Structures are given as structure tokens and as C-alpha cells.
PDB file of N, CA and C in Angstrom:
ATOM      1  N   MET A   1     -95.082-261.531 126.841  1.00  0.00           N
ATOM      2  CA  MET A   1     -96.510-261.668 126.683  1.00  0.00           C
ATOM      3  C   MET A   1     -97.067-260.415 126.011  1.00  0.00           C
ATOM      4  N   VAL A   2     -97.954-260.589 125.086  1.00  0.00           N
ATOM      5  CA  VAL A   2     -98.565-259.477 124.366  1.00  0.00           C
ATOM      6  C   VAL A   2     -99.813-259.028 125.130  1.00  0.00           C
ATOM      7  N   LYS A   3     -99.871-257.735 125.403  1.00  0.00           N
ATOM      8  CA  LYS A   3    -101.017-257.164 126.098  1.00  0.00           C
ATOM      9  C   LYS A   3    -101.843-256.372 125.094  1.00  0.00           C
ATOM     10  N   THR A   4    -103.151-256.377 125.278  1.00  0.00           N
ATOM     11  CA  THR A   4    -104.050-255.645 124.392  1.00  0.00           C
ATOM     12  C   THR A   4    -104.583-254.424 125.120  1.00  0.00           C
ATOM     13  N   VAL A   5    -104.541-253.267 124.442  1.00  0.00           N
ATOM     14  CA  VAL A   5    -105.085-252.032 125.006  1.00  0.00           C
ATOM     15  C   VAL A   5    -105.961-251.365 123.951  1.00  0.00           C
ATOM     16  N   THR A   6    -106.910-250.584 124.412  1.00  0.00           N
ATOM     17  CA  THR A   6    -107.748-249.844 123.473  1.00  0.00           C
ATOM     18  C   THR A   6    -106.982-248.606 122.992  1.00  0.00           C
ATOM     19  N   ALA A   7    -107.444-248.019 121.909  1.00  0.00           N
ATOM     20  CA  ALA A   7    -106.815-246.804 121.393  1.00  0.00           C
ATOM     21  C   ALA A   7    -106.872-245.687 122.434  1.00  0.00           C
ATOM     22  N   LEU A   8    -107.967-245.598 123.152  1.00  0.00           N
ATOM     23  CA  LEU A   8    -108.102-244.575 124.178  1.00  0.00           C
ATOM     24  C   LEU A   8    -107.099-244.797 125.305  1.00  0.00           C
ATOM     25  N   GLN A   9    -106.958-246.052 125.753  1.00  0.00           N
ATOM     26  CA  GLN A   9    -105.972-246.365 126.788  1.00  0.00           C
ATOM     27  C   GLN A   9    -104.559-246.040 126.303  1.00  0.00           C
ATOM     28  N   ALA A  10    -104.270-246.376 125.052  1.00  0.00           N
ATOM     29  CA  ALA A  10    -102.944-246.105 124.496  1.00  0.00           C
ATOM     30  C   ALA A  10    -102.676-244.606 124.462  1.00  0.00           C
ATOM     31  N   ARG A  11    -103.679-243.826 124.079  1.00  0.00           N
ATOM     32  CA  ARG A  11    -103.504-242.375 124.014  1.00  0.00           C
ATOM     33  C   ARG A  11    -103.232-241.796 125.394  1.00  0.00           C
ATOM     34  N   HIS A  12    -103.955-242.280 126.393  1.00  0.00           N
ATOM     35  CA  HIS A  12    -103.787-241.751 127.748  1.00  0.00           C
ATOM     36  C   HIS A  12    -102.520-242.256 128.428  1.00  0.00           C
ATOM     37  N   ASN A  13    -102.008-243.401 127.998  1.00  0.00           N
ATOM     38  CA  ASN A  13    -100.870-244.022 128.677  1.00  0.00           C
ATOM     39  C   ASN A  13     -99.692-244.291 127.745  1.00  0.00           C
ATOM     40  N   LEU A  14     -99.545-243.510 126.693  1.00  0.00           N
ATOM     41  CA  LEU A  14     -98.496-243.779 125.718  1.00  0.00           C
ATOM     42  C   LEU A  14     -97.111-243.808 126.358  1.00  0.00           C
ATOM     43  N   GLY A  15     -96.840-242.888 127.246  1.00  0.00           N
ATOM     44  CA  GLY A  15     -95.532-242.871 127.918  1.00  0.00           C
ATOM     45  C   GLY A  15     -95.252-244.168 128.651  1.00  0.00           C
ATOM     46  N   GLU A  16     -96.242-244.689 129.343  1.00  0.00           N
ATOM     47  CA  GLU A  16     -96.072-245.955 130.072  1.00  0.00           C
ATOM     48  C   GLU A  16     -95.868-247.120 129.110  1.00  0.00           C
ATOM     49  N   LEU A  17     -96.591-247.122 127.986  1.00  0.00           N
ATOM     50  CA  LEU A  17     -96.417-248.186 126.995  1.00  0.00           C
ATOM     51  C   LEU A  17     -94.996-248.154 126.439  1.00  0.00           C
ATOM     52  N   LEU A  18     -94.520-246.959 126.115  1.00  0.00           N
ATOM     53  CA  LEU A  18     -93.169-246.824 125.575  1.00  0.00           C
ATOM     54  C   LEU A  18     -92.116-247.271 126.587  1.00  0.00           C
ATOM     55  N   GLU A  19     -92.281-246.860 127.827  1.00  0.00           N
ATOM     56  CA  GLU A  19     -91.340-247.270 128.871  1.00  0.00           C
ATOM     57  C   GLU A  19     -91.339-248.794 129.040  1.00  0.00           C
ATOM     58  N   GLY A  20     -92.532-249.383 129.032  1.00  0.00           N
ATOM     59  CA  GLY A  20     -92.631-250.838 129.166  1.00  0.00           C
ATOM     60  C   GLY A  20     -91.963-251.569 128.016  1.00  0.00           C
ATOM     61  N   ALA A  21     -92.178-251.081 126.798  1.00  0.00           N
ATOM     62  CA  ALA A  21     -91.567-251.709 125.630  1.00  0.00           C
ATOM     63  C   ALA A  21     -90.055-251.556 125.672  1.00  0.00           C
ATOM     64  N   PHE A  22     -89.569-250.379 126.015  1.00  0.00           N
ATOM     65  CA  PHE A  22     -88.136-250.108 125.998  1.00  0.00           C
ATOM     66  C   PHE A  22     -87.405-250.818 127.131  1.00  0.00           C
ATOM     67  N   HIS A  23     -87.906-250.695 128.354  1.00  0.00           N
ATOM     68  CA  HIS A  23     -87.177-251.202 129.524  1.00  0.00           C
ATOM     69  C   HIS A  23     -87.458-252.663 129.850  1.00  0.00           C
ATOM     70  N   ARG A  24     -88.678-253.111 129.627  1.00  0.00           N
ATOM     71  CA  ARG A  24     -89.034-254.482 130.013  1.00  0.00           C
ATOM     72  C   ARG A  24     -89.305-255.401 128.834  1.00  0.00           C
ATOM     73  N   GLY A  25     -89.349-254.846 127.633  1.00  0.00           N
ATOM     74  CA  GLY A  25     -89.631-255.675 126.458  1.00  0.00           C
ATOM     75  C   GLY A  25     -91.099-256.002 126.301  1.00  0.00           C
ATOM     76  N   ASP A  26     -91.971-255.227 126.968  1.00  0.00           N
ATOM     77  CA  ASP A  26     -93.412-255.459 126.840  1.00  0.00           C
ATOM     78  C   ASP A  26     -93.865-255.233 125.397  1.00  0.00           C
ATOM     79  N   GLN A  27     -94.916-255.934 125.023  1.00  0.00           N
ATOM     80  CA  GLN A  27     -95.502-255.797 123.692  1.00  0.00           C
ATOM     81  C   GLN A  27     -96.993-255.499 123.853  1.00  0.00           C
ATOM     82  N   PHE A  28     -97.468-254.514 123.088  1.00  0.00           N
ATOM     83  CA  PHE A  28     -98.858-254.103 123.190  1.00  0.00           C
ATOM     84  C   PHE A  28     -99.502-254.084 121.813  1.00  0.00           C
ATOM     85  N   VAL A  29    -100.719-254.597 121.726  1.00  0.00           N
ATOM     86  CA  VAL A  29    -101.530-254.475 120.522  1.00  0.00           C
ATOM     87  C   VAL A  29    -102.596-253.437 120.844  1.00  0.00           C
ATOM     88  N   ILE A  30    -102.726-252.463 119.954  1.00  0.00           N
ATOM     89  CA  ILE A  30    -103.696-251.390 120.158  1.00  0.00           C
ATOM     90  C   ILE A  30    -104.914-251.679 119.284  1.00  0.00           C
ATOM     91  N   GLU A  31    -106.076-251.730 119.934  1.00  0.00           N
ATOM     92  CA  GLU A  31    -107.316-252.030 119.220  1.00  0.00           C
ATOM     93  C   GLU A  31    -108.224-250.808 119.159  1.00  0.00           C
ATOM     94  N   ARG A  32    -108.967-250.716 118.071  1.00  0.00           N
ATOM     95  CA  ARG A  32    -110.019-249.704 117.947  1.00  0.00           C
ATOM     96  C   ARG A  32    -111.281-250.461 117.547  1.00  0.00           C
ATOM     97  N   ALA A  33    -112.329-250.279 118.306  1.00  0.00           N
ATOM     98  CA  ALA A  33    -113.603-250.971 118.079  1.00  0.00           C
ATOM     99  C   ALA A  33    -113.394-252.484 118.009  1.00  0.00           C
ATOM    100  N   GLY A  34    -112.489-252.983 118.855  1.00  0.00           N
ATOM    101  CA  GLY A  34    -112.250-254.424 118.921  1.00  0.00           C
ATOM    102  C   GLY A  34    -111.372-254.990 117.824  1.00  0.00           C
ATOM    103  N   LYS A  35    -110.871-254.133 116.907  1.00  0.00           N
ATOM    104  CA  LYS A  35    -110.019-254.599 115.815  1.00  0.00           C
ATOM    105  C   LYS A  35    -108.567-254.199 116.074  1.00  0.00           C
ATOM    106  N   PRO A  36    -107.641-255.137 115.976  1.00  0.00           N
ATOM    107  CA  PRO A  36    -106.227-254.780 116.133  1.00  0.00           C
ATOM    108  C   PRO A  36    -105.808-253.802 115.034  1.00  0.00           C
ATOM    109  N   MET A  37    -105.197-252.684 115.427  1.00  0.00           N
ATOM    110  CA  MET A  37    -104.834-251.630 114.470  1.00  0.00           C
ATOM    111  C   MET A  37    -103.334-251.391 114.393  1.00  0.00           C
ATOM    112  N   ALA A  38    -102.631-251.544 115.517  1.00  0.00           N
ATOM    113  CA  ALA A  38    -101.200-251.234 115.560  1.00  0.00           C
ATOM    114  C   ALA A  38    -100.580-251.953 116.753  1.00  0.00           C
ATOM    115  N   ALA A  39     -99.260-251.827 116.847  1.00  0.00           N
ATOM    116  CA  ALA A  39     -98.561-252.453 117.965  1.00  0.00           C
ATOM    117  C   ALA A  39     -97.459-251.535 118.471  1.00  0.00           C
ATOM    118  N   VAL A  40     -97.170-251.648 119.756  1.00  0.00           N
ATOM    119  CA  VAL A  40     -96.007-250.997 120.358  1.00  0.00           C
ATOM    120  C   VAL A  40     -95.124-252.133 120.837  1.00  0.00           C
ATOM    121  N   VAL A  41     -93.946-252.210 120.244  1.00  0.00           N
ATOM    122  CA  VAL A  41     -93.012-253.295 120.571  1.00  0.00           C
ATOM    123  C   VAL A  41     -91.618-252.713 120.739  1.00  0.00           C
ATOM    124  N   PRO A  42     -90.713-253.448 121.385  1.00  0.00           N
ATOM    125  CA  PRO A  42     -89.327-252.971 121.468  1.00  0.00           C
ATOM    126  C   PRO A  42     -88.747-252.800 120.061  1.00  0.00           C
ATOM    127  N   LEU A  43     -87.943-251.787 119.888  1.00  0.00           N
ATOM    128  CA  LEU A  43     -87.430-251.437 118.573  1.00  0.00           C
ATOM    129  C   LEU A  43     -86.641-252.573 117.919  1.00  0.00           C
ATOM    130  N   HIS A  44     -85.938-253.362 118.714  1.00  0.00           N
ATOM    131  CA  HIS A  44     -85.146-254.449 118.110  1.00  0.00           C
ATOM    132  C   HIS A  44     -86.025-255.507 117.446  1.00  0.00           C
ATOM    133  N   MET A  45     -87.328-255.480 117.708  1.00  0.00           N
ATOM    134  CA  MET A  45     -88.238-256.447 117.089  1.00  0.00           C
ATOM    135  C   MET A  45     -88.733-255.994 115.718  1.00  0.00           C
ATOM    136  N   VAL A  46     -88.452-254.759 115.341  1.00  0.00           N
ATOM    137  CA  VAL A  46     -88.876-254.248 114.046  1.00  0.00           C
ATOM    138  C   VAL A  46     -87.805-254.646 113.031  1.00  0.00           C
ATOM    139  N   PRO A  47     -88.128-255.572 112.126  1.00  0.00           N
ATOM    140  CA  PRO A  47     -87.093-256.151 111.267  1.00  0.00           C
ATOM    141  C   PRO A  47     -86.436-255.183 110.295  1.00  0.00           C
ATOM    142  N   ASP A  48     -87.141-254.188 109.799  1.00  0.00           N
ATOM    143  CA  ASP A  48     -86.571-253.296 108.795  1.00  0.00           C
ATOM    144  C   ASP A  48     -85.937-252.045 109.384  1.00  0.00           C
ATOM    145  N   TYR A  49     -85.944-251.903 110.707  1.00  0.00           N
ATOM    146  CA  TYR A  49     -85.383-250.694 111.299  1.00  0.00           C
ATOM    147  C   TYR A  49     -83.875-250.839 111.439  1.00  0.00           C
ATOM    148  N   ASP A  50     -83.152-249.905 110.886  1.00  0.00           N
ATOM    149  CA  ASP A  50     -81.692-249.868 110.996  1.00  0.00           C
ATOM    150  C   ASP A  50     -81.321-248.471 111.468  1.00  0.00           C
ATOM    151  N   PRO A  51     -80.860-248.327 112.714  1.00  0.00           N
ATOM    152  CA  PRO A  51     -80.584-246.991 113.235  1.00  0.00           C
ATOM    153  C   PRO A  51     -79.507-246.254 112.448  1.00  0.00           C
ATOM    154  N   ILE A  52     -78.588-246.984 111.869  1.00  0.00           N
ATOM    155  CA  ILE A  52     -77.532-246.326 111.091  1.00  0.00           C
ATOM    156  C   ILE A  52     -78.138-245.681 109.852  1.00  0.00           C
ATOM    157  N   LYS A  53     -78.928-246.449 109.108  1.00  0.00           N
ATOM    158  CA  LYS A  53     -79.550-245.900 107.901  1.00  0.00           C
ATOM    159  C   LYS A  53     -80.504-244.761 108.245  1.00  0.00           C
ATOM    160  N   ALA A  54     -81.247-244.909 109.336  1.00  0.00           N
ATOM    161  CA  ALA A  54     -82.191-243.866 109.734  1.00  0.00           C
ATOM    162  C   ALA A  54     -81.461-242.579 110.084  1.00  0.00           C
ATOM    163  N   GLY A  55     -80.374-242.685 110.831  1.00  0.00           N
ATOM    164  CA  GLY A  55     -79.604-241.500 111.214  1.00  0.00           C
ATOM    165  C   GLY A  55     -78.957-240.824 110.027  1.00  0.00           C
ATOM    166  N   ILE A  56     -78.413-241.617 109.125  1.00  0.00           N
ATOM    167  CA  ILE A  56     -77.779-241.046 107.937  1.00  0.00           C
ATOM    168  C   ILE A  56     -78.810-240.362 107.050  1.00  0.00           C
ATOM    169  N   ALA A  57     -79.951-240.996 106.866  1.00  0.00           N
ATOM    170  CA  ALA A  57     -81.003-240.388 106.041  1.00  0.00           C
ATOM    171  C   ALA A  57     -81.453-239.060 106.643  1.00  0.00           C
ATOM    172  N   GLU A  58     -81.614-239.025 107.950  1.00  0.00           N
ATOM    173  CA  GLU A  58     -82.026-237.786 108.610  1.00  0.00           C
ATOM    174  C   GLU A  58     -80.949-236.714 108.449  1.00  0.00           C
ATOM    175  N   GLY A  59     -79.696-237.114 108.617  1.00  0.00           N
ATOM    176  CA  GLY A  59     -78.593-236.159 108.470  1.00  0.00           C
ATOM    177  C   GLY A  59     -78.485-235.619 107.058  1.00  0.00           C
ATOM    178  N   LEU A  60     -78.633-236.495 106.077  1.00  0.00           N
ATOM    179  CA  LEU A  60     -78.553-236.050 104.688  1.00  0.00           C
ATOM    180  C   LEU A  60     -79.697-235.101 104.345  1.00  0.00           C
ATOM    181  N   GLU A  61     -80.848-235.355 104.920  1.00  0.00           N
ATOM    182  CA  GLU A  61     -81.979-234.442 104.710  1.00  0.00           C
ATOM    183  C   GLU A  61     -81.642-233.057 105.251  1.00  0.00           C
ATOM    184  N   ASP A  62     -80.996-233.010 106.417  1.00  0.00           N
ATOM    185  CA  ASP A  62     -80.569-231.735 106.984  1.00  0.00           C
ATOM    186  C   ASP A  62     -79.553-231.037 106.082  1.00  0.00           C
ATOM    187  N   VAL A  63     -78.593-231.806 105.561  1.00  0.00           N
ATOM    188  CA  VAL A  63     -77.573-231.228 104.685  1.00  0.00           C
ATOM    189  C   VAL A  63     -78.223-230.638 103.441  1.00  0.00           C
ATOM    190  N   ARG A  64     -79.131-231.396 102.833  1.00  0.00           N
ATOM    191  CA  ARG A  64     -79.808-230.907 101.625  1.00  0.00           C
ATOM    192  C   ARG A  64     -80.592-229.625 101.878  1.00  0.00           C
ATOM    193  N   ALA A  65     -81.107-229.503 103.095  1.00  0.00           N
ATOM    194  CA  ALA A  65     -81.887-228.314 103.443  1.00  0.00           C
ATOM    195  C   ALA A  65     -80.992-227.183 103.957  1.00  0.00           C
ATOM    196  N   GLY A  66     -79.670-227.425 103.978  1.00  0.00           N
ATOM    197  CA  GLY A  66     -78.742-226.397 104.431  1.00  0.00           C
ATOM    198  C   GLY A  66     -78.624-226.283 105.931  1.00  0.00           C
ATOM    199  N   ARG A  67     -79.082-227.307 106.643  1.00  0.00           N
ATOM    200  CA  ARG A  67     -79.002-227.293 108.102  1.00  0.00           C
ATOM    201  C   ARG A  67     -77.859-228.195 108.551  1.00  0.00           C
ATOM    202  N   ILE A  68     -76.699-227.637 108.742  1.00  0.00           N
ATOM    203  CA  ILE A  68     -75.564-228.403 109.268  1.00  0.00           C
ATOM    204  C   ILE A  68     -75.225-227.784 110.618  1.00  0.00           C
ATOM    205  N   TYR A  69     -75.379-228.572 111.669  1.00  0.00           N
ATOM    206  CA  TYR A  69     -75.148-228.083 113.021  1.00  0.00           C
ATOM    207  C   TYR A  69     -73.910-228.747 113.598  1.00  0.00           C
ATOM    208  N   GLY A  70     -73.347-228.123 114.575  1.00  0.00           N
ATOM    209  CA  GLY A  70     -72.229-228.716 115.283  1.00  0.00           C
ATOM    210  C   GLY A  70     -70.896-228.399 114.634  1.00  0.00           C
ATOM    211  N   PRO A  71     -69.903-229.210 114.944  1.00  0.00           N
ATOM    212  CA  PRO A  71     -68.535-228.916 114.508  1.00  0.00           C
ATOM    213  C   PRO A  71     -68.235-229.420 113.096  1.00  0.00           C
ATOM    214  N   TYR A  72     -69.214-229.442 112.223  1.00  0.00           N
ATOM    215  CA  TYR A  72     -69.028-230.008 110.892  1.00  0.00           C
ATOM    216  C   TYR A  72     -68.644-228.919 109.892  1.00  0.00           C
ATOM    217  N   THR A  73     -67.659-229.244 109.065  1.00  0.00           N
ATOM    218  CA  THR A  73     -67.243-228.290 108.044  1.00  0.00           C
ATOM    219  C   THR A  73     -67.751-228.697 106.673  1.00  0.00           C
ATOM    220  N   SER A  74     -68.272-229.932 106.592  1.00  0.00           N
ATOM    221  CA  SER A  74     -68.772-230.400 105.303  1.00  0.00           C
ATOM    222  C   SER A  74     -69.785-231.517 105.527  1.00  0.00           C
ATOM    223  N   ALA A  75     -70.446-231.891 104.453  1.00  0.00           N
ATOM    224  CA  ALA A  75     -71.396-233.001 104.518  1.00  0.00           C
ATOM    225  C   ALA A  75     -70.673-234.300 104.867  1.00  0.00           C
ATOM    226  N   LYS A  76     -69.444-234.471 104.379  1.00  0.00           N
ATOM    227  CA  LYS A  76     -68.672-235.683 104.690  1.00  0.00           C
ATOM    228  C   LYS A  76     -68.424-235.808 106.187  1.00  0.00           C
ATOM    229  N   ASP A  77     -68.064-234.696 106.830  1.00  0.00           N
ATOM    230  CA  ASP A  77     -67.853-234.717 108.282  1.00  0.00           C
ATOM    231  C   ASP A  77     -69.130-235.114 109.010  1.00  0.00           C
ATOM    232  N   LEU A  78     -70.231-234.572 108.564  1.00  0.00           N
ATOM    233  CA  LEU A  78     -71.517-234.887 109.179  1.00  0.00           C
ATOM    234  C   LEU A  78     -71.848-236.366 109.023  1.00  0.00           C
ATOM    235  N   VAL A  79     -71.682-236.915 107.833  1.00  0.00           N
ATOM    236  CA  VAL A  79     -71.993-238.327 107.586  1.00  0.00           C
ATOM    237  C   VAL A  79     -71.084-239.219 108.428  1.00  0.00           C
ATOM    238  N   ARG A  80     -69.797-238.889 108.516  1.00  0.00           N
ATOM    239  CA  ARG A  80     -68.874-239.676 109.352  1.00  0.00           C
ATOM    240  C   ARG A  80     -69.347-239.683 110.807  1.00  0.00           C
ATOM    241  N   SER A  81     -69.743-238.528 111.301  1.00  0.00           N
ATOM    242  CA  SER A  81     -70.214-238.425 112.680  1.00  0.00           C
ATOM    243  C   SER A  81     -71.494-239.235 112.885  1.00  0.00           C
ATOM    244  N   LEU A  82     -72.405-239.153 111.938  1.00  0.00           N
ATOM    245  CA  LEU A  82     -73.647-239.923 112.041  1.00  0.00           C
ATOM    246  C   LEU A  82     -73.362-241.419 112.079  1.00  0.00           C
ATOM    247  N   ARG A  83     -72.452-241.876 111.239  1.00  0.00           N
ATOM    248  CA  ARG A  83     -72.114-243.301 111.218  1.00  0.00           C
ATOM    249  C   ARG A  83     -71.511-243.738 112.547  1.00  0.00           C
ATOM    250  N   ARG A  84     -70.614-242.933 113.106  1.00  0.00           N
ATOM    251  CA  ARG A  84     -69.999-243.277 114.396  1.00  0.00           C
ATOM    252  C   ARG A  84     -71.064-243.346 115.486  1.00  0.00           C
ATOM    253  N   ASN A  85     -71.919-242.330 115.546  1.00  0.00           N
ATOM    254  CA  ASN A  85     -72.951-242.298 116.585  1.00  0.00           C
ATOM    255  C   ASN A  85     -73.961-243.428 116.410  1.00  0.00           C
ATOM    256  N   ALA A  86     -74.342-243.712 115.189  1.00  0.00           N
ATOM    257  CA  ALA A  86     -75.299-244.787 114.944  1.00  0.00           C
ATOM    258  C   ALA A  86     -74.700-246.137 115.328  1.00  0.00           C
ATOM    259  N   ALA A  87     -73.412-246.328 115.081  1.00  0.00           N
ATOM    260  CA  ALA A  87     -72.761-247.582 115.466  1.00  0.00           C
ATOM    261  C   ALA A  87     -72.780-247.750 116.982  1.00  0.00           C
ATOM    262  N   LYS A  88     -72.605-246.655 117.710  1.00  0.00           N
ATOM    263  CA  LYS A  88     -72.671-246.708 119.176  1.00  0.00           C
ATOM    264  C   LYS A  88     -74.071-247.110 119.636  1.00  0.00           C
ATOM    265  N   VAL A  89     -75.088-246.518 119.002  1.00  0.00           N
ATOM    266  CA  VAL A  89     -76.480-246.844 119.353  1.00  0.00           C
ATOM    267  C   VAL A  89     -76.747-248.318 119.084  1.00  0.00           C
ATOM    268  N   LYS A  90     -76.309-248.794 117.939  1.00  0.00           N
ATOM    269  CA  LYS A  90     -76.541-250.193 117.579  1.00  0.00           C
ATOM    270  C   LYS A  90     -75.856-251.126 118.572  1.00  0.00           C
ATOM    271  N   ALA A  91     -74.645-250.777 119.002  1.00  0.00           N
ATOM    272  CA  ALA A  91     -73.919-251.591 119.979  1.00  0.00           C
ATOM    273  C   ALA A  91     -74.676-251.650 121.303  1.00  0.00           C
ATOM    274  N   LYS A  92     -75.273-250.529 121.713  1.00  0.00           N
ATOM    275  CA  LYS A  92     -76.056-250.514 122.949  1.00  0.00           C
ATOM    276  C   LYS A  92     -77.292-251.394 122.814  1.00  0.00           C
ATOM    277  N   GLN A  93     -77.927-251.379 121.642  1.00  0.00           N
ATOM    278  CA  GLN A  93     -79.122-252.197 121.428  1.00  0.00           C
ATOM    279  C   GLN A  93     -78.772-253.679 121.492  1.00  0.00           C
ATOM    280  N   VAL A  94     -77.634-254.046 120.953  1.00  0.00           N
ATOM    281  CA  VAL A  94     -77.210-255.450 120.974  1.00  0.00           C
ATOM    282  C   VAL A  94     -76.988-255.894 122.421  1.00  0.00           C
ATOM    283  N   LYS A  95     -76.422-255.022 123.250  1.00  0.00           N
ATOM    284  CA  LYS A  95     -76.170-255.346 124.658  1.00  0.00           C
ATOM    285  C   LYS A  95     -77.473-255.578 125.425  1.00  0.00           C
ATOM    286  N   ARG A  96     -78.545-254.855 125.032  1.00  0.00           N
ATOM    287  CA  ARG A  96     -79.824-254.984 125.739  1.00  0.00           C
ATOM    288  C   ARG A  96     -80.524-256.290 125.457  1.00  0.00           C
ATOM    289  N   ARG A  97     -80.246-256.917 124.337  1.00  0.00           N
ATOM    290  CA  ARG A  97     -80.974-258.127 123.945  1.00  0.00           C
ATOM    291  C   ARG A  97     -80.657-259.279 124.792  1.00  0.00           C
TER     292      ARG A  97
END
């Protein structure tokens, strides 16, 4: 069921909205002056979100900026690690559905 909250309520209770969306699959529409402006929904409902692509893009941005952390000796090592970790995240998301 989709619940409607005001922008002020969302600002004061963002943590609760996020917990509800993540753990219970709650969906919230955020309104400002009575107009729907945004939504908080479980991540698996966002059609264009791909955790693997997001993680790799973030990692590559770090590499380009010279920020390589952890046990990585090269950009290739970092990308391999990101792909492995993102695949684990995706597998967990599939289990939750």
C-alpha cells in the first residue's frame, strides 16, 4: 500500500521511511503543498538501478581521482573486487523479493 506523507513529515522521519521501505517494502509518496513530488520505495522497484554498474562507476571514479584503497595493486584488481561484491549484493536483493 502506498502511503502519503508531507515533505515536513518525510524530513523529520526519513530514517523510519527508509527502514519501512527496506525491511517491509513500504512505499511512500512525498507531497509538498498537496502536490506529489517524490517517492521512497524499495530499491528493487527502481527499474534502472543496477548495483553492479553503480559500484563499478563509483570505483572507476575513485581510480581516476587516484583514490585506490584496500589490497588493490591496480585498477583491474579494484574492478574485479567491485564486480564480485556487487554480485553478492544483487544475490541478496533477489533473495529478499
